[in-house]
Amino acid sequence: MATSNITIRIDEELKKQADELFADLGFNMTTALTAFVKQAVREQRIPFIISRNVPNQETMQAIEEIQKLKKEPNKKTYSSFSELLEEVENEI
């Protein structure tokens, strides 16, 4: 089978991380990318879900809770974690 060269540009750190991962899996970059392309052709689609980084339900609830707390006029605030600890220790 004849082969063809492909040149891609990729972030240096991402390439390093990918090389390490693929090596752990017994692949090199060429083998990993070939496996990806074969799977894409076989399935006639990108073989994984590509989506925006959407927070899960628990994270969304935490965000909503923080937004509500920010609007609370009588809330107590602290300028540092050590200030909070000091108040807790004084209450004990």
C-alpha atoms as a PDB file:
ATOM      1  CA  MET A   1       0.000   0.000   0.000  1.00  0.00           C
ATOM      2  CA  ALA A   2       1.385   3.411  -0.956  1.00  0.00           C
ATOM      3  CA  THR A   3       1.685   5.952   1.815  1.00  0.00           C
ATOM      4  CA  SER A   4       1.301   9.709   1.866  1.00  0.00           C
ATOM      5  CA  ASN A   5       2.835  12.317   4.147  1.00  0.00           C
ATOM      6  CA  ILE A   6       0.754  14.745   6.182  1.00  0.00           C
ATOM      7  CA  THR A   7       2.202  17.791   7.920  1.00  0.00           C
ATOM      8  CA  ILE A   8       0.317  19.263  10.871  1.00  0.00           C
ATOM      9  CA  ARG A   9       1.036  22.071  13.285  1.00  0.00           C
ATOM     10  CA  ILE A  10       0.327  21.402  16.938  1.00  0.00           C
ATOM     11  CA  ASP A  11       1.156  23.077  20.219  1.00  0.00           C
ATOM     12  CA  GLU A  12       4.514  21.792  21.478  1.00  0.00           C
ATOM     13  CA  GLU A  13       3.247  20.912  24.976  1.00  0.00           C
ATOM     14  CA  LEU A  14       0.165  19.151  23.575  1.00  0.00           C
ATOM     15  CA  LYS A  15       2.400  17.105  21.253  1.00  0.00           C
ATOM     16  CA  LYS A  16       4.622  16.124  24.175  1.00  0.00           C
ATOM     17  CA  GLN A  17       1.604  15.016  26.226  1.00  0.00           C
ATOM     18  CA  ALA A  18       0.176  13.089  23.271  1.00  0.00           C
ATOM     19  CA  ASP A  19       3.539  11.390  22.595  1.00  0.00           C
ATOM     20  CA  GLU A  20       3.703  10.277  26.246  1.00  0.00           C
ATOM     21  CA  LEU A  21       0.121   8.984  26.215  1.00  0.00           C
ATOM     22  CA  PHE A  22       0.518   7.128  22.929  1.00  0.00           C
ATOM     23  CA  ALA A  23       3.811   5.595  24.078  1.00  0.00           C
ATOM     24  CA  ASP A  24       2.083   4.301  27.214  1.00  0.00           C
ATOM     25  CA  LEU A  25      -0.547   2.743  24.952  1.00  0.00           C
ATOM     26  CA  GLY A  26       2.102   1.177  22.701  1.00  0.00           C
ATOM     27  CA  PHE A  27       1.594   3.635  19.833  1.00  0.00           C
ATOM     28  CA  ASN A  28       3.571   6.396  18.215  1.00  0.00           C
ATOM     29  CA  MET A  29       1.963   9.562  16.836  1.00  0.00           C
ATOM     30  CA  THR A  30       1.666   8.135  13.308  1.00  0.00           C
ATOM     31  CA  THR A  31      -0.019   4.930  14.487  1.00  0.00           C
ATOM     32  CA  ALA A  32      -2.407   6.821  16.780  1.00  0.00           C
ATOM     33  CA  LEU A  33      -3.435   9.272  14.063  1.00  0.00           C
ATOM     34  CA  THR A  34      -3.812   6.440  11.539  1.00  0.00           C
ATOM     35  CA  ALA A  35      -6.090   4.595  13.989  1.00  0.00           C
ATOM     36  CA  PHE A  36      -8.146   7.778  14.438  1.00  0.00           C
ATOM     37  CA  VAL A  37      -8.495   8.319  10.671  1.00  0.00           C
ATOM     38  CA  LYS A  38      -9.413   4.648  10.028  1.00  0.00           C
ATOM     39  CA  GLN A  39     -12.088   4.787  12.728  1.00  0.00           C
ATOM     40  CA  ALA A  40     -13.467   8.057  11.312  1.00  0.00           C
ATOM     41  CA  VAL A  41     -13.664   6.570   7.814  1.00  0.00           C
ATOM     42  CA  ARG A  42     -15.235   3.355   9.146  1.00  0.00           C
ATOM     43  CA  GLU A  43     -17.917   5.266  11.093  1.00  0.00           C
ATOM     44  CA  GLN A  44     -18.225   8.110   8.569  1.00  0.00           C
ATOM     45  CA  ARG A  45     -17.991  10.627  11.406  1.00  0.00           C
ATOM     46  CA  ILE A  46     -15.612  11.933  14.048  1.00  0.00           C
ATOM     47  CA  PRO A  47     -15.433   8.890  16.360  1.00  0.00           C
ATOM     48  CA  PHE A  48     -16.095  10.843  19.547  1.00  0.00           C
ATOM     49  CA  ILE A  49     -18.368  13.635  20.690  1.00  0.00           C
ATOM     50  CA  ILE A  50     -17.067  17.151  20.199  1.00  0.00           C
ATOM     51  CA  SER A  51     -18.911  19.617  22.367  1.00  0.00           C
ATOM     52  CA  ARG A  52     -18.509  22.801  24.290  1.00  0.00           C
ATOM     53  CA  ASN A  53     -17.282  22.497  27.842  1.00  0.00           C
ATOM     54  CA  VAL A  54     -20.692  22.685  29.521  1.00  0.00           C
ATOM     55  CA  PRO A  55     -20.796  22.472  33.330  1.00  0.00           C
ATOM     56  CA  ASN A  56     -22.641  19.492  34.791  1.00  0.00           C
ATOM     57  CA  GLN A  57     -25.802  19.886  36.890  1.00  0.00           C
ATOM     58  CA  GLU A  58     -23.934  20.007  40.223  1.00  0.00           C
ATOM     59  CA  THR A  59     -21.635  22.761  38.973  1.00  0.00           C
ATOM     60  CA  MET A  60     -24.578  24.727  37.582  1.00  0.00           C
ATOM     61  CA  GLN A  61     -26.326  24.525  40.968  1.00  0.00           C
ATOM     62  CA  ALA A  62     -23.168  25.745  42.716  1.00  0.00           C
ATOM     63  CA  ILE A  63     -22.893  28.677  40.295  1.00  0.00           C
ATOM     64  CA  GLU A  64     -26.533  29.606  40.890  1.00  0.00           C
ATOM     65  CA  GLU A  65     -26.025  29.389  44.669  1.00  0.00           C
ATOM     66  CA  ILE A  66     -23.009  31.706  44.495  1.00  0.00           C
ATOM     67  CA  GLN A  67     -24.942  34.185  42.374  1.00  0.00           C
ATOM     68  CA  LYS A  68     -27.773  34.211  44.936  1.00  0.00           C
ATOM     69  CA  LEU A  69     -25.326  34.659  47.809  1.00  0.00           C
ATOM     70  CA  LYS A  70     -23.691  37.604  46.056  1.00  0.00           C
ATOM     71  CA  LYS A  71     -27.063  39.360  45.967  1.00  0.00           C
ATOM     72  CA  GLU A  72     -27.725  38.772  49.692  1.00  0.00           C
ATOM     73  CA  PRO A  73     -27.490  42.217  51.386  1.00  0.00           C
ATOM     74  CA  ASN A  74     -26.789  40.864  54.902  1.00  0.00           C
ATOM     75  CA  LYS A  75     -24.074  38.397  54.011  1.00  0.00           C
ATOM     76  CA  LYS A  76     -20.824  38.369  55.976  1.00  0.00           C
ATOM     77  CA  THR A  77     -17.678  38.596  53.844  1.00  0.00           C
ATOM     78  CA  TYR A  78     -14.016  37.963  54.582  1.00  0.00           C
ATOM     79  CA  SER A  79     -10.918  39.402  52.984  1.00  0.00           C
ATOM     80  CA  SER A  80      -8.975  36.160  53.465  1.00  0.00           C
ATOM     81  CA  PHE A  81      -9.349  32.548  54.512  1.00  0.00           C
ATOM     82  CA  SER A  82      -7.275  33.215  57.627  1.00  0.00           C
ATOM     83  CA  GLU A  83      -9.747  35.924  58.641  1.00  0.00           C
ATOM     84  CA  LEU A  84     -12.560  33.382  58.355  1.00  0.00           C
ATOM     85  CA  LEU A  85     -10.622  30.814  60.418  1.00  0.00           C
ATOM     86  CA  GLU A  86      -9.904  33.411  63.084  1.00  0.00           C
ATOM     87  CA  GLU A  87     -13.608  34.173  63.449  1.00  0.00           C
ATOM     88  CA  VAL A  88     -14.505  30.470  63.622  1.00  0.00           C
ATOM     89  CA  GLU A  89     -11.843  29.866  66.273  1.00  0.00           C
ATOM     90  CA  ASN A  90     -13.120  32.803  68.326  1.00  0.00           C
ATOM     91  CA  GLU A  91     -16.648  31.367  68.273  1.00  0.00           C
ATOM     92  CA  ILE A  92     -15.500  28.026  69.688  1.00  0.00           C
END
